[in-house]
Amino acid sequence: MNKSNSIVASEPKTTSQRQSMTEILARPAAGIVVLLGFYVILLAAFAMLSPFFLSVSNLANIGTNMAFIGLMAAAGTPLIIGGGLDLSVAAVAGLAGVIVALMHSNGINIWVGCLTALVIGAGVGILNGVIVTKLRLNPLIVTLGTMSIFSGLSMVMTGGLSKPLFVPAFNWLGSGRIFSVPFPVIVMLIVFAVLWLVLAKTPFGRFVYATGGNPEASSLLGVPVERTQMILYVISGISGAAAGIILAAMLGAAAPNAASQHLLTIIAAIILGGTSLFGGRGSVWGTLIAVLILGTLNNGLTLMNVSSFWQDVTRGVVLLLAVGLDQLRVRLQG
């Protein structure tokens, strides 16, 4: 009898311990800690495999090469948290570079070209937002369509060829440094910091999480769901244009499809960073760590002379793992 009572008494404690562990694992902070731990392991592994990996120049290269991707991933994070999705952002980046190059080749001031590209990026965001929020169409289909449209326009405008952009002041945007820190990395970190402040410290940030978590209930409670999503699409469009400008400055040329090949990396970084594909949950800092992980992985594999084809395989595996982790988080929180 006493033995039976002791067994029954121990069951609630075991259940409570399991619930506590589940709650801990499901917390966003726990996901960020796990990502940081994995990143440290990745750094240590590549440092042992290549003597050139931990050099200052190589680490700077990782940051510079991932900065324009980080810009798009940073803006894509609140968009997915808010229940949206933008697959056209990389096509907008290519279009922005082409616009700057063509305007410059026609004698227009290059900074006017940059401003025009940013305005067009915002216009693409408005177009995506209107179609998604007003016509109630699936954002995956909408942005897949606009991706094809703007990618095609870039190819038509250039004939599929790269356009040179050798303007020292402009090229500094992609290769310049401030206190030995690459300028693109500084821009990326500022964007991440600003978005974190907006999401964590402002009413708009609360609207974003509410919109993605339960748009119907949030609308009934007075949350401006459609306006929130519109703003998020505009931010995404502007980030694509800014990334395209920085990429063109870094390459010294505008390639119409230069950013399109990185779309998979952008989405993988957002999901790997802890943002749920179902909306309502995520963190820009998790996305930043995931961007660094993916950039470090590409760089390390390149130093080890791994074929680019196998690097594509690796990115696909990482994306699948990211989606799997997202599903695991959903089940733990459930």
C-alpha atoms as a PDB file:
ATOM      1  CA  MET A   1       0.000   0.000   0.000  1.00  0.00           C
ATOM      2  CA  ASN A   2       2.740   2.417   0.940  1.00  0.00           C
ATOM      3  CA  LYS A   3       4.697   1.444  -2.143  1.00  0.00           C
ATOM      4  CA  SER A   4       1.682   2.094  -4.352  1.00  0.00           C
ATOM      5  CA  ASN A   5       1.113   5.481  -2.756  1.00  0.00           C
ATOM      6  CA  SER A   6       4.748   6.434  -3.299  1.00  0.00           C
ATOM      7  CA  ILE A   7       4.508   5.542  -7.003  1.00  0.00           C
ATOM      8  CA  VAL A   8       1.335   7.622  -7.443  1.00  0.00           C
ATOM      9  CA  ALA A   9       2.922  10.492  -5.577  1.00  0.00           C
ATOM     10  CA  SER A  10       5.977  10.430  -7.826  1.00  0.00           C
ATOM     11  CA  GLU A  11       3.982  10.659 -11.066  1.00  0.00           C
ATOM     12  CA  PRO A  12       2.977  14.347 -10.796  1.00  0.00           C
ATOM     13  CA  LYS A  13       6.575  15.272 -10.059  1.00  0.00           C
ATOM     14  CA  THR A  14       7.779  13.412 -13.173  1.00  0.00           C
ATOM     15  CA  THR A  15       5.065  15.032 -15.293  1.00  0.00           C
ATOM     16  CA  SER A  16       5.981  18.427 -13.881  1.00  0.00           C
ATOM     17  CA  GLN A  17       9.646  17.862 -14.709  1.00  0.00           C
ATOM     18  CA  ARG A  18       8.772  16.895 -18.268  1.00  0.00           C
ATOM     19  CA  GLN A  19       6.566  19.953 -18.677  1.00  0.00           C
ATOM     20  CA  SER A  20       9.347  22.196 -17.360  1.00  0.00           C
ATOM     21  CA  MET A  21      11.849  20.704 -19.799  1.00  0.00           C
ATOM     22  CA  THR A  22       9.390  21.102 -22.665  1.00  0.00           C
ATOM     23  CA  GLU A  23       8.778  24.735 -21.774  1.00  0.00           C
ATOM     24  CA  ILE A  24      12.508  25.423 -21.626  1.00  0.00           C
ATOM     25  CA  LEU A  25      13.198  23.807 -24.998  1.00  0.00           C
ATOM     26  CA  ALA A  26      10.303  25.662 -26.603  1.00  0.00           C
ATOM     27  CA  ARG A  27      11.450  29.101 -25.499  1.00  0.00           C
ATOM     28  CA  PRO A  28      12.956  31.358 -28.214  1.00  0.00           C
ATOM     29  CA  ALA A  29      15.959  32.094 -25.985  1.00  0.00           C
ATOM     30  CA  ALA A  30      16.727  28.371 -25.770  1.00  0.00           C
ATOM     31  CA  GLY A  31      16.766  28.155 -29.569  1.00  0.00           C
ATOM     32  CA  ILE A  32      19.208  31.054 -29.785  1.00  0.00           C
ATOM     33  CA  VAL A  33      21.502  29.424 -27.219  1.00  0.00           C
ATOM     34  CA  VAL A  34      21.460  26.190 -29.219  1.00  0.00           C
ATOM     35  CA  LEU A  35      22.290  28.090 -32.421  1.00  0.00           C
ATOM     36  CA  LEU A  36      25.170  29.873 -30.697  1.00  0.00           C
ATOM     37  CA  GLY A  37      26.516  26.581 -29.399  1.00  0.00           C
ATOM     38  CA  PHE A  38      26.328  25.045 -32.868  1.00  0.00           C
ATOM     39  CA  TYR A  39      28.061  28.097 -34.351  1.00  0.00           C
ATOM     40  CA  VAL A  40      30.932  27.829 -31.880  1.00  0.00           C
ATOM     41  CA  ILE A  41      31.328  24.134 -32.741  1.00  0.00           C
ATOM     42  CA  LEU A  42      31.301  24.987 -36.449  1.00  0.00           C
ATOM     43  CA  LEU A  43      33.986  27.643 -35.970  1.00  0.00           C
ATOM     44  CA  ALA A  44      36.153  25.241 -34.002  1.00  0.00           C
ATOM     45  CA  ALA A  45      35.753  22.475 -36.578  1.00  0.00           C
ATOM     46  CA  PHE A  46      36.739  24.616 -39.560  1.00  0.00           C
ATOM     47  CA  ALA A  47      39.588  26.202 -37.574  1.00  0.00           C
ATOM     48  CA  MET A  48      41.059  22.734 -37.099  1.00  0.00           C
ATOM     49  CA  LEU A  49      40.478  21.741 -40.723  1.00  0.00           C
ATOM     50  CA  SER A  50      41.928  24.884 -42.317  1.00  0.00           C
ATOM     51  CA  PRO A  51      44.738  27.113 -41.004  1.00  0.00           C
ATOM     52  CA  PHE A  52      43.363  30.061 -43.008  1.00  0.00           C
ATOM     53  CA  PHE A  53      39.839  29.978 -41.616  1.00  0.00           C
ATOM     54  CA  LEU A  54      40.278  32.124 -38.492  1.00  0.00           C
ATOM     55  CA  SER A  55      42.327  34.819 -40.215  1.00  0.00           C
ATOM     56  CA  VAL A  56      40.946  38.359 -39.909  1.00  0.00           C
ATOM     57  CA  SER A  57      40.651  38.730 -43.671  1.00  0.00           C
ATOM     58  CA  ASN A  58      38.684  35.501 -44.032  1.00  0.00           C
ATOM     59  CA  LEU A  59      36.263  36.368 -41.215  1.00  0.00           C
ATOM     60  CA  ALA A  60      35.777  39.789 -42.813  1.00  0.00           C
ATOM     61  CA  ASN A  61      35.041  38.060 -46.118  1.00  0.00           C
ATOM     62  CA  ILE A  62      32.376  35.916 -44.459  1.00  0.00           C
ATOM     63  CA  GLY A  63      30.665  38.999 -43.063  1.00  0.00           C
ATOM     64  CA  THR A  64      30.894  40.954 -46.324  1.00  0.00           C
ATOM     65  CA  ASN A  65      29.630  38.087 -48.479  1.00  0.00           C
ATOM     66  CA  MET A  66      26.663  37.465 -46.188  1.00  0.00           C
ATOM     67  CA  ALA A  67      25.738  41.108 -45.483  1.00  0.00           C
ATOM     68  CA  PHE A  68      23.381  41.577 -48.436  1.00  0.00           C
ATOM     69  CA  ILE A  69      21.762  38.213 -47.661  1.00  0.00           C
ATOM     70  CA  GLY A  70      21.448  39.260 -44.020  1.00  0.00           C
ATOM     71  CA  LEU A  71      19.651  42.466 -45.043  1.00  0.00           C
ATOM     72  CA  MET A  72      16.958  40.511 -46.876  1.00  0.00           C
ATOM     73  CA  ALA A  73      16.710  37.876 -44.148  1.00  0.00           C
ATOM     74  CA  ALA A  74      16.397  40.577 -41.470  1.00  0.00           C
ATOM     75  CA  ALA A  75      13.406  42.181 -43.211  1.00  0.00           C
ATOM     76  CA  GLY A  76      11.930  38.798 -44.096  1.00  0.00           C
ATOM     77  CA  THR A  77      11.860  37.757 -40.432  1.00  0.00           C
ATOM     78  CA  PRO A  78       9.126  40.159 -39.205  1.00  0.00           C
ATOM     79  CA  LEU A  79       7.237  39.534 -42.445  1.00  0.00           C
ATOM     80  CA  ILE A  80       7.044  35.782 -41.790  1.00  0.00           C
ATOM     81  CA  ILE A  81       6.309  36.433 -38.102  1.00  0.00           C
ATOM     82  CA  GLY A  82       3.400  38.557 -39.307  1.00  0.00           C
ATOM     83  CA  GLY A  83       2.021  35.734 -41.424  1.00  0.00           C
ATOM     84  CA  GLY A  84       3.470  36.824 -44.783  1.00  0.00           C
ATOM     85  CA  LEU A  85       6.113  35.580 -47.189  1.00  0.00           C
ATOM     86  CA  ASP A  86       8.178  37.300 -49.887  1.00  0.00           C
ATOM     87  CA  LEU A  87       9.903  35.150 -52.492  1.00  0.00           C
ATOM     88  CA  SER A  88      10.397  38.147 -54.795  1.00  0.00           C
ATOM     89  CA  VAL A  89      12.948  39.895 -52.564  1.00  0.00           C
ATOM     90  CA  ALA A  90      15.989  38.434 -54.354  1.00  0.00           C
ATOM     91  CA  ALA A  91      14.536  39.354 -57.753  1.00  0.00           C
ATOM     92  CA  VAL A  92      14.036  42.911 -56.465  1.00  0.00           C
ATOM     93  CA  ALA A  93      17.712  42.962 -55.473  1.00  0.00           C
ATOM     94  CA  GLY A  94      18.725  42.061 -59.016  1.00  0.00           C
ATOM     95  CA  LEU A  95      16.339  44.642 -60.467  1.00  0.00           C
ATOM     96  CA  ALA A  96      17.702  47.370 -58.160  1.00  0.00           C
ATOM     97  CA  GLY A  97      21.270  46.814 -59.320  1.00  0.00           C
ATOM     98  CA  VAL A  98      20.174  46.863 -62.956  1.00  0.00           C
ATOM     99  CA  ILE A  99      18.261  50.133 -62.475  1.00  0.00           C
ATOM    100  CA  VAL A 100      21.280  51.823 -60.892  1.00  0.00           C
ATOM    101  CA  ALA A 101      23.592  50.609 -63.671  1.00  0.00           C
ATOM    102  CA  LEU A 102      21.280  51.612 -66.538  1.00  0.00           C
ATOM    103  CA  MET A 103      20.556  55.046 -65.093  1.00  0.00           C
ATOM    104  CA  HIS A 104      24.258  55.650 -64.551  1.00  0.00           C
ATOM    105  CA  SER A 105      25.108  54.556 -68.112  1.00  0.00           C
ATOM    106  CA  ASN A 106      22.569  57.107 -69.355  1.00  0.00           C
ATOM    107  CA  GLY A 107      24.288  59.957 -67.548  1.00  0.00           C
ATOM    108  CA  ILE A 108      22.048  60.115 -64.470  1.00  0.00           C
ATOM    109  CA  ASN A 109      23.726  60.675 -61.096  1.00  0.00           C
ATOM    110  CA  ILE A 110      24.381  57.314 -59.479  1.00  0.00           C
ATOM    111  CA  TRP A 111      22.884  58.385 -56.145  1.00  0.00           C
ATOM    112  CA  VAL A 112      19.671  59.361 -57.914  1.00  0.00           C
ATOM    113  CA  GLY A 113      19.741  55.863 -59.381  1.00  0.00           C
ATOM    114  CA  CYS A 114      20.102  54.373 -55.890  1.00  0.00           C
ATOM    115  CA  LEU A 115      17.180  56.423 -54.590  1.00  0.00           C
ATOM    116  CA  THR A 116      15.084  55.383 -57.591  1.00  0.00           C
ATOM    117  CA  ALA A 117      15.915  51.725 -56.940  1.00  0.00           C
ATOM    118  CA  LEU A 118      14.829  52.042 -53.297  1.00  0.00           C
ATOM    119  CA  VAL A 119      11.541  53.681 -54.341  1.00  0.00           C
ATOM    120  CA  ILE A 120      10.899  50.898 -56.864  1.00  0.00           C
ATOM    121  CA  GLY A 121      11.654  48.323 -54.157  1.00  0.00           C
ATOM    122  CA  ALA A 122       9.052  49.975 -51.931  1.00  0.00           C
ATOM    123  CA  GLY A 123       6.641  49.942 -54.876  1.00  0.00           C
ATOM    124  CA  VAL A 124       7.133  46.204 -55.336  1.00  0.00           C
ATOM    125  CA  GLY A 125       6.397  45.774 -51.626  1.00  0.00           C
ATOM    126  CA  ILE A 126       3.191  47.783 -51.991  1.00  0.00           C
ATOM    127  CA  LEU A 127       2.186  45.669 -55.001  1.00  0.00           C
ATOM    128  CA  ASN A 128       2.757  42.426 -53.104  1.00  0.00           C
ATOM    129  CA  GLY A 129       0.984  43.775 -50.028  1.00  0.00           C
ATOM    130  CA  VAL A 130      -2.080  44.967 -51.927  1.00  0.00           C
ATOM    131  CA  ILE A 131      -2.514  41.680 -53.766  1.00  0.00           C
ATOM    132  CA  VAL A 132      -2.087  39.629 -50.590  1.00  0.00           C
ATOM    133  CA  THR A 133      -4.165  41.759 -48.200  1.00  0.00           C
ATOM    134  CA  LYS A 134      -6.866  43.124 -50.507  1.00  0.00           C
ATOM    135  CA  LEU A 135      -7.355  40.238 -52.929  1.00  0.00           C
ATOM    136  CA  ARG A 136      -6.724  37.618 -50.211  1.00  0.00           C
ATOM    137  CA  LEU A 137      -4.393  35.564 -52.384  1.00  0.00           C
ATOM    138  CA  ASN A 138      -1.784  33.172 -51.030  1.00  0.00           C
ATOM    139  CA  PRO A 139       1.500  35.066 -50.468  1.00  0.00           C
ATOM    140  CA  LEU A 140       3.513  32.090 -51.722  1.00  0.00           C
ATOM    141  CA  ILE A 141       1.782  32.217 -55.119  1.00  0.00           C
ATOM    142  CA  VAL A 142       1.720  36.014 -55.273  1.00  0.00           C
ATOM    143  CA  THR A 143       5.400  36.554 -54.561  1.00  0.00           C
ATOM    144  CA  LEU A 144       6.390  33.598 -56.726  1.00  0.00           C
ATOM    145  CA  GLY A 145       4.612  35.374 -59.580  1.00  0.00           C
ATOM    146  CA  THR A 146       6.171  38.768 -58.887  1.00  0.00           C
ATOM    147  CA  MET A 147       9.557  37.085 -58.514  1.00  0.00           C
ATOM    148  CA  SER A 148       9.225  35.730 -62.035  1.00  0.00           C
ATOM    149  CA  ILE A 149       8.019  39.107 -63.356  1.00  0.00           C
ATOM    150  CA  PHE A 150      10.839  41.209 -61.952  1.00  0.00           C
ATOM    151  CA  SER A 151      13.509  38.629 -62.597  1.00  0.00           C
ATOM    152  CA  GLY A 152      12.351  38.519 -66.219  1.00  0.00           C
ATOM    153  CA  LEU A 153      12.319  42.315 -66.465  1.00  0.00           C
ATOM    154  CA  SER A 154      15.918  42.450 -65.246  1.00  0.00           C
ATOM    155  CA  MET A 155      16.952  39.979 -67.938  1.00  0.00           C
ATOM    156  CA  VAL A 156      15.038  41.900 -70.634  1.00  0.00           C
ATOM    157  CA  MET A 157      16.559  45.245 -69.611  1.00  0.00           C
ATOM    158  CA  THR A 158      20.116  43.886 -69.718  1.00  0.00           C
ATOM    159  CA  GLY A 159      19.835  41.181 -72.342  1.00  0.00           C
ATOM    160  CA  GLY A 160      20.948  38.765 -69.656  1.00  0.00           C
ATOM    161  CA  LEU A 161      24.355  40.458 -69.408  1.00  0.00           C
ATOM    162  CA  SER A 162      26.073  42.122 -66.465  1.00  0.00           C
ATOM    163  CA  LYS A 163      26.423  45.900 -66.536  1.00  0.00           C
ATOM    164  CA  PRO A 164      29.670  47.401 -65.189  1.00  0.00           C
ATOM    165  CA  LEU A 165      29.483  49.883 -62.315  1.00  0.00           C
ATOM    166  CA  PHE A 166      32.938  51.283 -61.597  1.00  0.00           C
ATOM    167  CA  VAL A 167      32.332  54.409 -59.523  1.00  0.00           C
ATOM    168  CA  PRO A 168      34.752  54.624 -56.568  1.00  0.00           C
ATOM    169  CA  ALA A 169      32.332  56.374 -54.187  1.00  0.00           C
ATOM    170  CA  PHE A 170      29.598  53.886 -55.061  1.00  0.00           C
ATOM    171  CA  ASN A 171      31.869  50.833 -54.927  1.00  0.00           C
ATOM    172  CA  TRP A 172      32.917  51.862 -51.407  1.00  0.00           C
ATOM    173  CA  LEU A 173      29.431  50.834 -50.259  1.00  0.00           C
ATOM    174  CA  GLY A 174      30.385  47.238 -50.993  1.00  0.00           C
ATOM    175  CA  SER A 175      34.082  47.232 -50.138  1.00  0.00           C
ATOM    176  CA  GLY A 176      34.697  50.144 -47.768  1.00  0.00           C
ATOM    177  CA  ARG A 177      35.547  49.787 -44.089  1.00  0.00           C
ATOM    178  CA  ILE A 178      34.984  51.823 -40.957  1.00  0.00           C
ATOM    179  CA  PHE A 179      37.502  51.066 -38.187  1.00  0.00           C
ATOM    180  CA  SER A 180      38.481  47.902 -40.108  1.00  0.00           C
ATOM    181  CA  VAL A 181      34.861  46.662 -40.092  1.00  0.00           C
ATOM    182  CA  PRO A 182      33.366  46.138 -43.586  1.00  0.00           C
ATOM    183  CA  PHE A 183      30.695  48.754 -44.295  1.00  0.00           C
ATOM    184  CA  PRO A 184      28.111  46.179 -45.516  1.00  0.00           C
ATOM    185  CA  VAL A 185      28.446  44.367 -42.177  1.00  0.00           C
ATOM    186  CA  ILE A 186      27.817  47.621 -40.288  1.00  0.00           C
ATOM    187  CA  VAL A 187      24.695  48.286 -42.358  1.00  0.00           C
ATOM    188  CA  MET A 188      23.444  44.746 -41.740  1.00  0.00           C
ATOM    189  CA  LEU A 189      23.969  44.971 -37.975  1.00  0.00           C
ATOM    190  CA  ILE A 190      22.213  48.360 -37.818  1.00  0.00           C
ATOM    191  CA  VAL A 191      19.220  46.940 -39.680  1.00  0.00           C
ATOM    192  CA  PHE A 192      19.029  43.955 -37.326  1.00  0.00           C
ATOM    193  CA  ALA A 193      19.266  46.234 -34.275  1.00  0.00           C
ATOM    194  CA  VAL A 194      16.552  48.590 -35.558  1.00  0.00           C
ATOM    195  CA  LEU A 195      14.195  45.729 -36.386  1.00  0.00           C
ATOM    196  CA  TRP A 196      14.786  44.185 -32.961  1.00  0.00           C
ATOM    197  CA  LEU A 197      13.893  47.497 -31.286  1.00  0.00           C
ATOM    198  CA  VAL A 198      10.754  47.794 -33.418  1.00  0.00           C
ATOM    199  CA  LEU A 199       9.612  44.244 -32.688  1.00  0.00           C
ATOM    200  CA  ALA A 200      10.492  44.228 -28.988  1.00  0.00           C
ATOM    201  CA  LYS A 201       9.809  47.790 -27.864  1.00  0.00           C
ATOM    202  CA  THR A 202       7.005  49.271 -29.975  1.00  0.00           C
ATOM    203  CA  PRO A 203       3.244  48.736 -30.373  1.00  0.00           C
ATOM    204  CA  PHE A 204       3.867  47.935 -34.039  1.00  0.00           C
ATOM    205  CA  GLY A 205       6.049  45.009 -32.964  1.00  0.00           C
ATOM    206  CA  ARG A 206       3.200  43.655 -30.857  1.00  0.00           C
ATOM    207  CA  PHE A 207       0.894  44.080 -33.844  1.00  0.00           C
ATOM    208  CA  VAL A 208       3.294  41.985 -35.946  1.00  0.00           C
ATOM    209  CA  TYR A 209       3.261  39.048 -33.517  1.00  0.00           C
ATOM    210  CA  ALA A 210      -0.505  39.306 -33.032  1.00  0.00           C
ATOM    211  CA  THR A 211      -1.133  39.437 -36.783  1.00  0.00           C
ATOM    212  CA  GLY A 212       0.906  36.317 -37.407  1.00  0.00           C
ATOM    213  CA  GLY A 213      -0.397  34.451 -34.376  1.00  0.00           C
ATOM    214  CA  ASN A 214      -4.124  34.880 -34.993  1.00  0.00           C
ATOM    215  CA  PRO A 215      -5.124  37.498 -37.594  1.00  0.00           C
ATOM    216  CA  GLU A 216      -8.885  37.019 -37.170  1.00  0.00           C
ATOM    217  CA  ALA A 217      -8.877  37.432 -33.400  1.00  0.00           C
ATOM    218  CA  SER A 218      -6.351  40.277 -33.617  1.00  0.00           C
ATOM    219  CA  SER A 219      -8.560  42.141 -36.081  1.00  0.00           C
ATOM    220  CA  LEU A 220     -11.528  41.829 -33.726  1.00  0.00           C
ATOM    221  CA  LEU A 221      -9.373  43.261 -30.944  1.00  0.00           C
ATOM    222  CA  GLY A 222      -8.511  46.327 -33.013  1.00  0.00           C
ATOM    223  CA  VAL A 223      -5.131  45.318 -34.432  1.00  0.00           C
ATOM    224  CA  PRO A 224      -4.682  46.853 -37.932  1.00  0.00           C
ATOM    225  CA  VAL A 225      -3.866  43.512 -39.557  1.00  0.00           C
ATOM    226  CA  GLU A 226      -3.902  44.607 -43.208  1.00  0.00           C
ATOM    227  CA  ARG A 227      -1.924  47.796 -42.576  1.00  0.00           C
ATOM    228  CA  THR A 228       0.633  45.858 -40.543  1.00  0.00           C
ATOM    229  CA  GLN A 229       1.186  43.354 -43.334  1.00  0.00           C
ATOM    230  CA  MET A 230       1.368  46.133 -45.931  1.00  0.00           C
ATOM    231  CA  ILE A 231       4.149  47.853 -43.989  1.00  0.00           C
ATOM    232  CA  LEU A 232       6.023  44.557 -43.642  1.00  0.00           C
ATOM    233  CA  TYR A 233       5.886  43.948 -47.407  1.00  0.00           C
ATOM    234  CA  VAL A 234       7.166  47.474 -48.066  1.00  0.00           C
ATOM    235  CA  ILE A 235      10.053  46.920 -45.643  1.00  0.00           C
ATOM    236  CA  SER A 236      10.877  43.667 -47.419  1.00  0.00           C
ATOM    237  CA  GLY A 237      10.851  45.369 -50.831  1.00  0.00           C
ATOM    238  CA  ILE A 238      13.124  48.169 -49.619  1.00  0.00           C
ATOM    239  CA  SER A 239      15.515  45.653 -48.057  1.00  0.00           C
ATOM    240  CA  GLY A 240      15.720  43.802 -51.382  1.00  0.00           C
ATOM    241  CA  ALA A 241      16.586  47.027 -53.216  1.00  0.00           C
ATOM    242  CA  ALA A 242      19.184  47.998 -50.573  1.00  0.00           C
ATOM    243  CA  ALA A 243      20.745  44.539 -50.774  1.00  0.00           C
ATOM    244  CA  GLY A 244      20.888  44.801 -54.568  1.00  0.00           C
ATOM    245  CA  ILE A 245      22.656  48.158 -54.362  1.00  0.00           C
ATOM    246  CA  ILE A 246      25.250  46.825 -51.933  1.00  0.00           C
ATOM    247  CA  LEU A 247      25.766  43.685 -54.022  1.00  0.00           C
ATOM    248  CA  ALA A 248      26.261  45.732 -57.204  1.00  0.00           C
ATOM    249  CA  ALA A 249      28.725  47.985 -55.362  1.00  0.00           C
ATOM    250  CA  MET A 250      30.613  44.955 -54.069  1.00  0.00           C
ATOM    251  CA  LEU A 251      30.814  43.247 -57.486  1.00  0.00           C
ATOM    252  CA  GLY A 252      31.457  46.433 -59.441  1.00  0.00           C
ATOM    253  CA  ALA A 253      28.685  45.337 -61.770  1.00  0.00           C
ATOM    254  CA  ALA A 254      24.943  44.746 -61.878  1.00  0.00           C
ATOM    255  CA  ALA A 255      24.124  41.116 -62.645  1.00  0.00           C
ATOM    256  CA  PRO A 256      20.373  40.568 -63.170  1.00  0.00           C
ATOM    257  CA  ASN A 257      20.346  37.168 -61.473  1.00  0.00           C
ATOM    258  CA  ALA A 258      23.175  37.667 -58.956  1.00  0.00           C
ATOM    259  CA  ALA A 259      20.924  37.547 -55.894  1.00  0.00           C
ATOM    260  CA  SER A 260      18.335  35.025 -57.100  1.00  0.00           C
ATOM    261  CA  GLN A 261      20.579  32.068 -56.344  1.00  0.00           C
ATOM    262  CA  HIS A 262      20.600  33.093 -52.667  1.00  0.00           C
ATOM    263  CA  LEU A 263      16.831  32.937 -52.109  1.00  0.00           C
ATOM    264  CA  LEU A 264      17.083  29.465 -50.583  1.00  0.00           C
ATOM    265  CA  THR A 265      19.757  30.719 -48.161  1.00  0.00           C
ATOM    266  CA  ILE A 266      17.547  33.649 -47.106  1.00  0.00           C
ATOM    267  CA  ILE A 267      14.564  31.441 -46.306  1.00  0.00           C
ATOM    268  CA  ALA A 268      16.754  28.826 -44.607  1.00  0.00           C
ATOM    269  CA  ALA A 269      18.338  31.491 -42.375  1.00  0.00           C
ATOM    270  CA  ILE A 270      14.960  32.817 -41.257  1.00  0.00           C
ATOM    271  CA  ILE A 271      13.536  29.390 -40.427  1.00  0.00           C
ATOM    272  CA  LEU A 272      16.765  28.051 -38.924  1.00  0.00           C
ATOM    273  CA  GLY A 273      16.844  31.155 -36.725  1.00  0.00           C
ATOM    274  CA  GLY A 274      13.612  30.122 -35.038  1.00  0.00           C
ATOM    275  CA  THR A 275      10.933  31.962 -37.008  1.00  0.00           C
ATOM    276  CA  SER A 276       7.872  29.807 -37.561  1.00  0.00           C
ATOM    277  CA  LEU A 277       6.502  29.345 -41.065  1.00  0.00           C
ATOM    278  CA  PHE A 278       3.052  29.536 -39.453  1.00  0.00           C
ATOM    279  CA  GLY A 279       3.705  33.046 -38.143  1.00  0.00           C
ATOM    280  CA  GLY A 280       3.415  34.583 -34.691  1.00  0.00           C
ATOM    281  CA  ARG A 281       6.848  33.508 -33.435  1.00  0.00           C
ATOM    282  CA  GLY A 282      10.446  34.385 -34.225  1.00  0.00           C
ATOM    283  CA  SER A 283      13.492  36.491 -33.449  1.00  0.00           C
ATOM    284  CA  VAL A 284      15.753  38.665 -35.592  1.00  0.00           C
ATOM    285  CA  TRP A 285      18.757  37.706 -33.471  1.00  0.00           C
ATOM    286  CA  GLY A 286      18.123  34.051 -34.237  1.00  0.00           C
ATOM    287  CA  THR A 287      18.080  34.956 -37.923  1.00  0.00           C
ATOM    288  CA  LEU A 288      21.391  36.820 -37.585  1.00  0.00           C
ATOM    289  CA  ILE A 289      23.089  33.801 -35.989  1.00  0.00           C
ATOM    290  CA  ALA A 290      21.647  31.543 -38.683  1.00  0.00           C
ATOM    291  CA  VAL A 291      22.984  33.873 -41.389  1.00  0.00           C
ATOM    292  CA  LEU A 292      26.446  33.624 -39.819  1.00  0.00           C
ATOM    293  CA  ILE A 293      26.144  29.836 -39.599  1.00  0.00           C
ATOM    294  CA  LEU A 294      25.238  29.489 -43.278  1.00  0.00           C
ATOM    295  CA  GLY A 295      27.931  31.947 -44.352  1.00  0.00           C
ATOM    296  CA  THR A 296      30.544  30.163 -42.268  1.00  0.00           C
ATOM    297  CA  LEU A 297      29.445  26.807 -43.648  1.00  0.00           C
ATOM    298  CA  ASN A 298      29.801  27.999 -47.262  1.00  0.00           C
ATOM    299  CA  ASN A 299      33.158  29.597 -46.563  1.00  0.00           C
ATOM    300  CA  GLY A 300      34.544  26.595 -44.707  1.00  0.00           C
ATOM    301  CA  LEU A 301      33.455  24.162 -47.404  1.00  0.00           C
ATOM    302  CA  THR A 302      35.064  26.378 -50.046  1.00  0.00           C
ATOM    303  CA  LEU A 303      38.354  26.464 -48.126  1.00  0.00           C
ATOM    304  CA  MET A 304      38.209  22.681 -48.007  1.00  0.00           C
ATOM    305  CA  ASN A 305      37.770  22.604 -51.809  1.00  0.00           C
ATOM    306  CA  VAL A 306      34.336  21.031 -51.584  1.00  0.00           C
ATOM    307  CA  SER A 307      32.521  21.147 -54.925  1.00  0.00           C
ATOM    308  CA  SER A 308      29.869  23.845 -55.342  1.00  0.00           C
ATOM    309  CA  PHE A 309      27.435  21.060 -56.241  1.00  0.00           C
ATOM    310  CA  TRP A 310      27.916  19.480 -52.821  1.00  0.00           C
ATOM    311  CA  GLN A 311      27.514  22.901 -51.254  1.00  0.00           C
ATOM    312  CA  ASP A 312      24.080  23.092 -52.907  1.00  0.00           C
ATOM    313  CA  VAL A 313      23.283  19.692 -51.407  1.00  0.00           C
ATOM    314  CA  THR A 314      24.373  20.978 -47.991  1.00  0.00           C
ATOM    315  CA  ARG A 315      22.143  24.051 -48.252  1.00  0.00           C
ATOM    316  CA  GLY A 316      19.188  21.843 -49.125  1.00  0.00           C
ATOM    317  CA  VAL A 317      19.872  19.606 -46.131  1.00  0.00           C
ATOM    318  CA  VAL A 318      20.140  22.648 -43.853  1.00  0.00           C
ATOM    319  CA  LEU A 319      16.780  23.935 -45.125  1.00  0.00           C
ATOM    320  CA  LEU A 320      15.130  20.584 -44.420  1.00  0.00           C
ATOM    321  CA  LEU A 321      16.662  20.520 -40.937  1.00  0.00           C
ATOM    322  CA  ALA A 322      15.452  24.064 -40.344  1.00  0.00           C
ATOM    323  CA  VAL A 323      11.880  23.155 -41.267  1.00  0.00           C
ATOM    324  CA  GLY A 324      12.138  20.039 -39.103  1.00  0.00           C
ATOM    325  CA  LEU A 325      13.307  22.108 -36.138  1.00  0.00           C
ATOM    326  CA  ASP A 326      10.413  24.493 -36.710  1.00  0.00           C
ATOM    327  CA  GLN A 327       7.956  21.595 -36.586  1.00  0.00           C
ATOM    328  CA  LEU A 328       9.631  20.298 -33.413  1.00  0.00           C
ATOM    329  CA  ARG A 329       9.260  23.705 -31.755  1.00  0.00           C
ATOM    330  CA  VAL A 330       5.573  23.799 -32.706  1.00  0.00           C
ATOM    331  CA  ARG A 331       5.009  20.372 -31.145  1.00  0.00           C
ATOM    332  CA  LEU A 332       6.904  21.293 -27.975  1.00  0.00           C
ATOM    333  CA  GLN A 333       4.879  24.472 -27.565  1.00  0.00           C
ATOM    334  CA  GLY A 334       1.710  22.494 -28.246  1.00  0.00           C
END
